[in-house]
Amino acid sequence: MSRPAKPAPVRYYFDADVLGLAKLLVRVRGDVTYPGDPGGPVAGRVRAPCPVTTPSAPDTEWIPETARHGWVIITRDRHIQEHRAEIDAVSINGARMVVISAPDAVTTFDQLEVLMCNWRAIERLHDLKGPFIYAATRTGGLRPVSLD
């Protein structure tokens, strides 16, 4: 008789604007989810379906949900400083967000390059209390984005 696989605790939520990157990473990491993720087995564990069921979920729905779960959000937005509603949603909900802000991070591979260049620093953010937003670029590391 085989035992059921252990659950894979999710730590990172990849927003709809980096779905290609998310779908690549869920194959090798059990701690990643994305909107519409049906869940599934990875590395001997089972990831539950994502409670954000559609990539078209508005910020006012998915940001509070991800904050409630304690997930670090990974998204792509070169002009995050100009999106006051998203910054406010992060602040109000105590969310933790990393924004791939490199202007050339358009393709999945480019986004993966930015992510991997910063991965160890992103993992350290998981232990910090929110709210915060950090912008990530391939060569610039992580820089804090003002929530004011």
N, C-alpha and C. Protein backbone atom coordinates (compact mmCIF):
# COMPACT_ATOMS: atom_id res chain seq x y z
N MET A 1 0.85 -1.17 0.00
CA MET A 1 0.00 0.00 0.00
C MET A 1 0.90 1.24 0.00
N SER A 2 0.68 2.13 -0.93
CA SER A 2 1.49 3.34 -1.01
C SER A 2 0.82 4.48 -0.24
N ARG A 3 1.66 5.30 0.31
CA ARG A 3 1.17 6.47 1.04
C ARG A 3 0.81 7.58 0.07
N PRO A 4 -0.16 8.39 0.46
CA PRO A 4 -0.46 9.55 -0.39
C PRO A 4 0.71 10.54 -0.32
N ALA A 5 0.92 11.24 -1.40
CA ALA A 5 2.00 12.23 -1.45
C ALA A 5 1.73 13.35 -0.47
N LYS A 6 2.79 13.88 0.11
CA LYS A 6 2.68 15.02 1.02
C LYS A 6 2.28 16.27 0.25
N PRO A 7 1.55 17.16 0.91
CA PRO A 7 1.23 18.41 0.22
C PRO A 7 2.48 19.26 0.01
N ALA A 8 2.49 19.99 -1.08
CA ALA A 8 3.58 20.91 -1.38
C ALA A 8 3.16 22.30 -0.93
N PRO A 9 3.77 22.84 0.11
CA PRO A 9 3.39 24.18 0.55
C PRO A 9 3.82 25.25 -0.46
N VAL A 10 2.88 26.07 -0.87
CA VAL A 10 3.16 27.13 -1.84
C VAL A 10 3.76 28.33 -1.11
N ARG A 11 4.76 28.94 -1.72
CA ARG A 11 5.39 30.14 -1.17
C ARG A 11 5.38 31.30 -2.17
N TYR A 12 5.21 31.00 -3.47
CA TYR A 12 5.32 32.02 -4.49
C TYR A 12 4.12 31.96 -5.43
N TYR A 13 3.53 33.12 -5.67
CA TYR A 13 2.41 33.25 -6.59
C TYR A 13 2.90 34.05 -7.79
N PHE A 14 2.79 33.48 -8.98
CA PHE A 14 3.17 34.16 -10.22
C PHE A 14 1.92 34.71 -10.88
N ASP A 15 1.89 36.00 -11.06
CA ASP A 15 0.73 36.71 -11.60
C ASP A 15 0.50 36.33 -13.06
N ALA A 16 -0.68 36.69 -13.57
CA ALA A 16 -1.09 36.34 -14.93
C ALA A 16 -0.15 36.89 -16.00
N ASP A 17 0.54 38.00 -15.72
CA ASP A 17 1.41 38.57 -16.76
C ASP A 17 2.75 37.85 -16.88
N VAL A 18 2.97 36.81 -16.09
CA VAL A 18 4.15 35.95 -16.22
C VAL A 18 3.72 34.47 -16.23
N LEU A 19 2.59 34.20 -16.87
CA LEU A 19 2.06 32.83 -16.89
C LEU A 19 3.01 31.83 -17.54
N GLY A 20 3.66 32.22 -18.61
CA GLY A 20 4.61 31.31 -19.26
C GLY A 20 5.70 30.90 -18.30
N LEU A 21 6.23 31.86 -17.57
CA LEU A 21 7.27 31.60 -16.58
C LEU A 21 6.73 30.69 -15.47
N ALA A 22 5.53 30.98 -15.00
CA ALA A 22 4.92 30.18 -13.93
C ALA A 22 4.74 28.73 -14.37
N LYS A 23 4.23 28.53 -15.57
CA LYS A 23 3.97 27.17 -16.05
C LYS A 23 5.26 26.38 -16.26
N LEU A 24 6.34 27.09 -16.51
CA LEU A 24 7.65 26.45 -16.60
C LEU A 24 8.12 26.04 -15.20
N LEU A 25 7.99 26.93 -14.25
CA LEU A 25 8.51 26.68 -12.90
C LEU A 25 7.73 25.64 -12.11
N VAL A 26 6.41 25.54 -12.31
CA VAL A 26 5.64 24.55 -11.54
C VAL A 26 6.06 23.13 -11.86
N ARG A 27 6.75 22.94 -12.96
CA ARG A 27 7.25 21.60 -13.31
C ARG A 27 8.40 21.16 -12.41
N VAL A 28 9.13 22.14 -11.84
CA VAL A 28 10.33 21.80 -11.06
C VAL A 28 10.27 22.27 -9.61
N ARG A 29 9.28 23.10 -9.29
CA ARG A 29 9.17 23.62 -7.91
C ARG A 29 7.75 23.41 -7.41
N GLY A 30 7.63 22.77 -6.27
CA GLY A 30 6.32 22.55 -5.67
C GLY A 30 5.77 23.75 -4.94
N ASP A 31 6.59 24.78 -4.76
CA ASP A 31 6.17 25.94 -3.96
C ASP A 31 5.71 27.12 -4.81
N VAL A 32 5.37 26.87 -6.06
CA VAL A 32 4.95 27.90 -7.01
C VAL A 32 3.52 27.62 -7.45
N THR A 33 2.73 28.68 -7.58
CA THR A 33 1.39 28.57 -8.15
C THR A 33 1.11 29.79 -9.01
N TYR A 34 0.00 29.75 -9.72
CA TYR A 34 -0.39 30.83 -10.62
C TYR A 34 -1.91 30.81 -10.78
N PRO A 35 -2.51 31.90 -11.28
CA PRO A 35 -3.97 31.91 -11.42
C PRO A 35 -4.43 30.84 -12.41
N GLY A 36 -5.37 30.04 -11.95
CA GLY A 36 -5.87 28.95 -12.78
C GLY A 36 -5.09 27.66 -12.65
N ASP A 37 -4.06 27.64 -11.81
CA ASP A 37 -3.25 26.43 -11.61
C ASP A 37 -4.13 25.30 -11.08
N PRO A 38 -4.21 24.17 -11.80
CA PRO A 38 -5.04 23.06 -11.34
C PRO A 38 -4.38 22.26 -10.22
N GLY A 39 -3.11 22.61 -9.88
CA GLY A 39 -2.38 21.82 -8.90
C GLY A 39 -1.84 20.57 -9.55
N GLY A 40 -1.17 19.75 -8.76
CA GLY A 40 -0.66 18.50 -9.30
C GLY A 40 0.62 18.07 -8.63
N PRO A 41 1.11 16.90 -9.04
CA PRO A 41 2.32 16.36 -8.42
C PRO A 41 3.58 17.07 -8.92
N VAL A 42 4.52 17.22 -8.00
CA VAL A 42 5.84 17.73 -8.35
C VAL A 42 6.82 17.28 -7.26
N ALA A 43 7.90 16.66 -7.68
CA ALA A 43 8.97 16.23 -6.78
C ALA A 43 8.45 15.44 -5.58
N GLY A 44 7.56 14.48 -5.83
CA GLY A 44 7.07 13.63 -4.76
C GLY A 44 6.04 14.25 -3.84
N ARG A 45 5.60 15.43 -4.16
CA ARG A 45 4.58 16.13 -3.38
C ARG A 45 3.42 16.50 -4.29
N VAL A 46 2.35 17.02 -3.69
CA VAL A 46 1.20 17.43 -4.47
C VAL A 46 0.85 18.88 -4.14
N ARG A 47 0.83 19.72 -5.17
CA ARG A 47 0.46 21.13 -5.02
C ARG A 47 -1.04 21.24 -5.20
N ALA A 48 -1.69 21.93 -4.26
CA ALA A 48 -3.14 22.13 -4.33
C ALA A 48 -3.48 23.10 -5.46
N PRO A 49 -4.70 23.04 -5.97
CA PRO A 49 -5.12 24.02 -6.97
C PRO A 49 -5.06 25.44 -6.39
N CYS A 50 -4.76 26.40 -7.24
CA CYS A 50 -4.68 27.79 -6.80
C CYS A 50 -6.08 28.32 -6.52
N PRO A 51 -6.27 29.02 -5.40
CA PRO A 51 -7.59 29.60 -5.11
C PRO A 51 -7.95 30.77 -6.04
N VAL A 52 -6.96 31.34 -6.72
CA VAL A 52 -7.24 32.35 -7.74
C VAL A 52 -7.46 31.56 -9.02
N THR A 53 -8.71 31.45 -9.43
CA THR A 53 -9.06 30.48 -10.46
C THR A 53 -8.93 30.97 -11.89
N THR A 54 -8.74 32.26 -12.08
CA THR A 54 -8.67 32.77 -13.45
C THR A 54 -7.60 33.85 -13.59
N PRO A 55 -6.87 33.84 -14.70
CA PRO A 55 -5.88 34.90 -14.93
C PRO A 55 -6.50 36.29 -15.06
N SER A 56 -7.80 36.37 -15.28
CA SER A 56 -8.44 37.68 -15.42
C SER A 56 -8.95 38.24 -14.09
N ALA A 57 -8.62 37.58 -12.98
CA ALA A 57 -9.04 38.09 -11.67
C ALA A 57 -8.47 39.49 -11.45
N PRO A 58 -9.30 40.43 -10.98
CA PRO A 58 -8.80 41.79 -10.75
C PRO A 58 -7.85 41.85 -9.55
N ASP A 59 -6.98 42.85 -9.55
CA ASP A 59 -6.04 43.06 -8.44
C ASP A 59 -6.73 43.04 -7.09
N THR A 60 -7.94 43.61 -7.03
CA THR A 60 -8.66 43.70 -5.76
C THR A 60 -9.08 42.32 -5.23
N GLU A 61 -9.02 41.29 -6.07
CA GLU A 61 -9.32 39.93 -5.63
C GLU A 61 -8.06 39.13 -5.35
N TRP A 62 -7.11 39.11 -6.30
CA TRP A 62 -5.98 38.22 -6.13
C TRP A 62 -4.92 38.73 -5.17
N ILE A 63 -4.74 40.03 -5.04
CA ILE A 63 -3.72 40.53 -4.10
C ILE A 63 -4.12 40.21 -2.66
N PRO A 64 -5.36 40.47 -2.22
CA PRO A 64 -5.72 40.07 -0.84
C PRO A 64 -5.62 38.55 -0.62
N GLU A 65 -5.99 37.77 -1.62
CA GLU A 65 -5.93 36.30 -1.49
C GLU A 65 -4.50 35.82 -1.32
N THR A 66 -3.60 36.33 -2.12
CA THR A 66 -2.20 35.90 -2.01
C THR A 66 -1.59 36.38 -0.70
N ALA A 67 -1.95 37.58 -0.26
CA ALA A 67 -1.44 38.09 1.02
C ALA A 67 -1.96 37.23 2.17
N ARG A 68 -3.21 36.82 2.10
CA ARG A 68 -3.80 35.98 3.15
C ARG A 68 -3.05 34.66 3.28
N HIS A 69 -2.59 34.14 2.16
CA HIS A 69 -1.84 32.88 2.17
C HIS A 69 -0.37 33.08 2.53
N GLY A 70 0.09 34.33 2.56
CA GLY A 70 1.48 34.59 2.88
C GLY A 70 2.45 34.35 1.74
N TRP A 71 1.93 34.35 0.51
CA TRP A 71 2.78 34.10 -0.65
C TRP A 71 3.49 35.36 -1.10
N VAL A 72 4.70 35.20 -1.60
CA VAL A 72 5.41 36.30 -2.26
C VAL A 72 4.91 36.31 -3.71
N ILE A 73 4.49 37.47 -4.14
CA ILE A 73 3.95 37.65 -5.50
C ILE A 73 5.10 37.97 -6.45
N ILE A 74 5.11 37.30 -7.59
CA ILE A 74 6.04 37.63 -8.66
C ILE A 74 5.19 38.11 -9.84
N THR A 75 5.51 39.29 -10.35
CA THR A 75 4.74 39.85 -11.45
C THR A 75 5.69 40.60 -12.38
N ARG A 76 5.17 41.13 -13.46
CA ARG A 76 5.99 41.92 -14.39
C ARG A 76 5.27 43.23 -14.66
N ASP A 77 5.97 44.31 -14.38
CA ASP A 77 5.39 45.63 -14.61
C ASP A 77 6.52 46.65 -14.60
N ARG A 78 6.90 47.07 -15.75
CA ARG A 78 8.01 48.01 -15.89
C ARG A 78 7.71 49.36 -15.25
N HIS A 79 6.42 49.70 -15.13
CA HIS A 79 6.04 51.02 -14.63
C HIS A 79 5.23 50.90 -13.34
N ILE A 80 5.66 50.04 -12.43
CA ILE A 80 4.90 49.79 -11.20
C ILE A 80 4.66 51.09 -10.41
N GLN A 81 5.61 52.01 -10.43
CA GLN A 81 5.47 53.25 -9.67
C GLN A 81 4.27 54.06 -10.12
N GLU A 82 3.80 53.85 -11.34
CA GLU A 82 2.68 54.62 -11.88
C GLU A 82 1.33 53.97 -11.61
N HIS A 83 1.32 52.78 -11.04
CA HIS A 83 0.06 52.05 -10.82
C HIS A 83 -0.35 52.12 -9.35
N ARG A 84 -0.93 53.26 -9.00
CA ARG A 84 -1.29 53.56 -7.62
C ARG A 84 -2.25 52.54 -7.02
N ALA A 85 -3.23 52.06 -7.78
CA ALA A 85 -4.20 51.11 -7.24
C ALA A 85 -3.53 49.81 -6.83
N GLU A 86 -2.59 49.35 -7.62
CA GLU A 86 -1.88 48.12 -7.29
C GLU A 86 -0.99 48.32 -6.06
N ILE A 87 -0.30 49.44 -6.00
CA ILE A 87 0.53 49.75 -4.83
C ILE A 87 -0.34 49.85 -3.57
N ASP A 88 -1.49 50.51 -3.69
CA ASP A 88 -2.41 50.61 -2.55
C ASP A 88 -2.90 49.24 -2.10
N ALA A 89 -3.22 48.36 -3.06
CA ALA A 89 -3.68 47.02 -2.71
C ALA A 89 -2.60 46.24 -1.96
N VAL A 90 -1.36 46.40 -2.36
CA VAL A 90 -0.24 45.76 -1.66
C VAL A 90 -0.16 46.31 -0.24
N SER A 91 -0.22 47.64 -0.10
CA SER A 91 -0.12 48.28 1.22
C SER A 91 -1.25 47.86 2.16
N ILE A 92 -2.47 47.96 1.68
CA ILE A 92 -3.65 47.67 2.50
C ILE A 92 -3.66 46.23 2.98
N ASN A 93 -3.22 45.31 2.13
CA ASN A 93 -3.31 43.89 2.44
C ASN A 93 -2.03 43.30 3.02
N GLY A 94 -0.98 44.12 3.18
CA GLY A 94 0.27 43.61 3.72
C GLY A 94 0.95 42.62 2.79
N ALA A 95 0.72 42.78 1.49
CA ALA A 95 1.28 41.85 0.51
C ALA A 95 2.77 42.05 0.33
N ARG A 96 3.39 41.05 -0.26
CA ARG A 96 4.83 41.08 -0.55
C ARG A 96 4.98 40.77 -2.03
N MET A 97 5.60 41.71 -2.76
CA MET A 97 5.63 41.63 -4.21
C MET A 97 7.02 41.88 -4.76
N VAL A 98 7.39 41.09 -5.76
CA VAL A 98 8.60 41.32 -6.55
C VAL A 98 8.13 41.55 -7.98
N VAL A 99 8.57 42.66 -8.55
CA VAL A 99 8.16 43.04 -9.90
C VAL A 99 9.36 42.90 -10.83
N ILE A 100 9.21 42.08 -11.84
CA ILE A 100 10.23 42.00 -12.88
C ILE A 100 10.06 43.26 -13.71
N SER A 101 10.99 44.18 -13.55
CA SER A 101 10.81 45.51 -14.15
C SER A 101 11.78 45.80 -15.27
N ALA A 102 12.56 44.83 -15.67
CA ALA A 102 13.50 45.05 -16.76
C ALA A 102 12.73 45.31 -18.06
N PRO A 103 13.08 46.37 -18.78
CA PRO A 103 12.34 46.69 -19.99
C PRO A 103 12.43 45.61 -21.07
N ASP A 104 13.49 44.81 -21.01
CA ASP A 104 13.66 43.78 -22.03
C ASP A 104 13.17 42.40 -21.57
N ALA A 105 12.49 42.32 -20.44
CA ALA A 105 12.01 41.03 -19.92
C ALA A 105 10.62 40.72 -20.47
N VAL A 106 10.53 40.61 -21.77
CA VAL A 106 9.26 40.39 -22.44
C VAL A 106 9.00 38.90 -22.63
N THR A 107 10.02 38.16 -23.04
CA THR A 107 9.83 36.73 -23.29
C THR A 107 9.97 35.94 -21.99
N THR A 108 9.47 34.72 -22.02
CA THR A 108 9.58 33.84 -20.85
C THR A 108 11.04 33.63 -20.49
N PHE A 109 11.89 33.44 -21.47
CA PHE A 109 13.31 33.22 -21.19
C PHE A 109 13.93 34.45 -20.52
N ASP A 110 13.62 35.64 -21.02
CA ASP A 110 14.15 36.87 -20.42
C ASP A 110 13.67 37.02 -18.98
N GLN A 111 12.41 36.71 -18.73
CA GLN A 111 11.87 36.78 -17.38
C GLN A 111 12.57 35.77 -16.47
N LEU A 112 12.81 34.57 -16.99
CA LEU A 112 13.52 33.54 -16.23
C LEU A 112 14.93 34.00 -15.88
N GLU A 113 15.59 34.68 -16.81
CA GLU A 113 16.94 35.19 -16.55
C GLU A 113 16.92 36.20 -15.41
N VAL A 114 15.98 37.13 -15.43
CA VAL A 114 15.88 38.12 -14.35
C VAL A 114 15.60 37.42 -13.03
N LEU A 115 14.68 36.48 -13.05
CA LEU A 115 14.31 35.76 -11.83
C LEU A 115 15.51 35.00 -11.27
N MET A 116 16.22 34.27 -12.11
CA MET A 116 17.33 33.46 -11.61
C MET A 116 18.50 34.32 -11.13
N CYS A 117 18.72 35.46 -11.76
CA CYS A 117 19.78 36.37 -11.29
C CYS A 117 19.48 36.90 -9.89
N ASN A 118 18.22 36.89 -9.50
CA ASN A 118 17.81 37.45 -8.21
C ASN A 118 17.22 36.42 -7.25
N TRP A 119 17.23 35.15 -7.61
CA TRP A 119 16.47 34.16 -6.85
C TRP A 119 16.86 34.08 -5.38
N ARG A 120 18.12 34.07 -5.07
CA ARG A 120 18.52 33.95 -3.65
C ARG A 120 18.03 35.15 -2.84
N ALA A 121 18.09 36.32 -3.41
CA ALA A 121 17.58 37.52 -2.72
C ALA A 121 16.06 37.44 -2.58
N ILE A 122 15.37 36.92 -3.58
CA ILE A 122 13.92 36.78 -3.51
C ILE A 122 13.55 35.78 -2.41
N GLU A 123 14.28 34.69 -2.31
CA GLU A 123 13.99 33.72 -1.25
C GLU A 123 14.15 34.34 0.14
N ARG A 124 15.11 35.23 0.31
CA ARG A 124 15.28 35.89 1.61
C ARG A 124 14.09 36.80 1.94
N LEU A 125 13.43 37.33 0.91
CA LEU A 125 12.27 38.19 1.14
C LEU A 125 11.11 37.43 1.76
N HIS A 126 11.07 36.13 1.56
CA HIS A 126 9.95 35.34 2.08
C HIS A 126 9.86 35.44 3.60
N ASP A 127 10.96 35.68 4.26
CA ASP A 127 10.96 35.78 5.72
C ASP A 127 10.63 37.17 6.24
N LEU A 128 10.49 38.15 5.35
CA LEU A 128 10.18 39.51 5.76
C LEU A 128 8.68 39.73 5.82
N LYS A 129 8.27 40.57 6.73
CA LYS A 129 6.86 40.94 6.84
C LYS A 129 6.53 42.02 5.80
N GLY A 130 5.35 41.94 5.21
CA GLY A 130 4.90 42.94 4.25
C GLY A 130 4.21 44.07 4.95
N PRO A 131 3.86 45.09 4.25
CA PRO A 131 3.87 45.17 2.79
C PRO A 131 5.20 45.65 2.25
N PHE A 132 5.52 45.16 1.05
CA PHE A 132 6.66 45.70 0.31
C PHE A 132 6.53 45.34 -1.15
N ILE A 133 7.24 46.12 -1.96
CA ILE A 133 7.42 45.84 -3.38
C ILE A 133 8.89 46.05 -3.69
N TYR A 134 9.48 45.08 -4.36
CA TYR A 134 10.84 45.21 -4.86
C TYR A 134 10.81 45.05 -6.37
N ALA A 135 11.58 45.87 -7.05
CA ALA A 135 11.73 45.78 -8.50
C ALA A 135 12.99 44.96 -8.78
N ALA A 136 12.90 44.04 -9.73
CA ALA A 136 14.03 43.18 -10.07
C ALA A 136 14.42 43.39 -11.53
N THR A 137 15.72 43.54 -11.74
CA THR A 137 16.27 43.58 -13.09
C THR A 137 17.42 42.58 -13.14
N ARG A 138 17.84 42.25 -14.33
CA ARG A 138 18.91 41.26 -14.49
C ARG A 138 20.21 41.73 -13.85
N THR A 139 20.59 42.98 -14.09
CA THR A 139 21.88 43.46 -13.61
C THR A 139 21.77 44.38 -12.39
N GLY A 140 20.59 44.85 -12.07
CA GLY A 140 20.45 45.80 -10.98
C GLY A 140 20.04 45.20 -9.65
N GLY A 141 19.84 43.91 -9.59
CA GLY A 141 19.42 43.29 -8.35
C GLY A 141 18.00 43.70 -7.99
N LEU A 142 17.72 43.74 -6.69
CA LEU A 142 16.41 44.15 -6.19
C LEU A 142 16.52 45.55 -5.62
N ARG A 143 15.54 46.39 -5.95
CA ARG A 143 15.50 47.72 -5.34
C ARG A 143 14.08 47.96 -4.82
N PRO A 144 13.99 48.54 -3.62
CA PRO A 144 12.64 48.78 -3.06
C PRO A 144 11.88 49.84 -3.86
N VAL A 145 10.58 49.62 -3.97
CA VAL A 145 9.67 50.57 -4.60
C VAL A 145 8.90 51.24 -3.49
N SER A 146 8.83 52.57 -3.52
CA SER A 146 8.11 53.31 -2.48
C SER A 146 6.62 52.99 -2.52
N LEU A 147 6.06 52.75 -1.35
CA LEU A 147 4.62 52.51 -1.24
C LEU A 147 3.85 53.80 -0.99
N ASP A 148 4.57 54.89 -0.84
CA ASP A 148 3.92 56.20 -0.59
C ASP A 148 3.48 56.88 -1.86
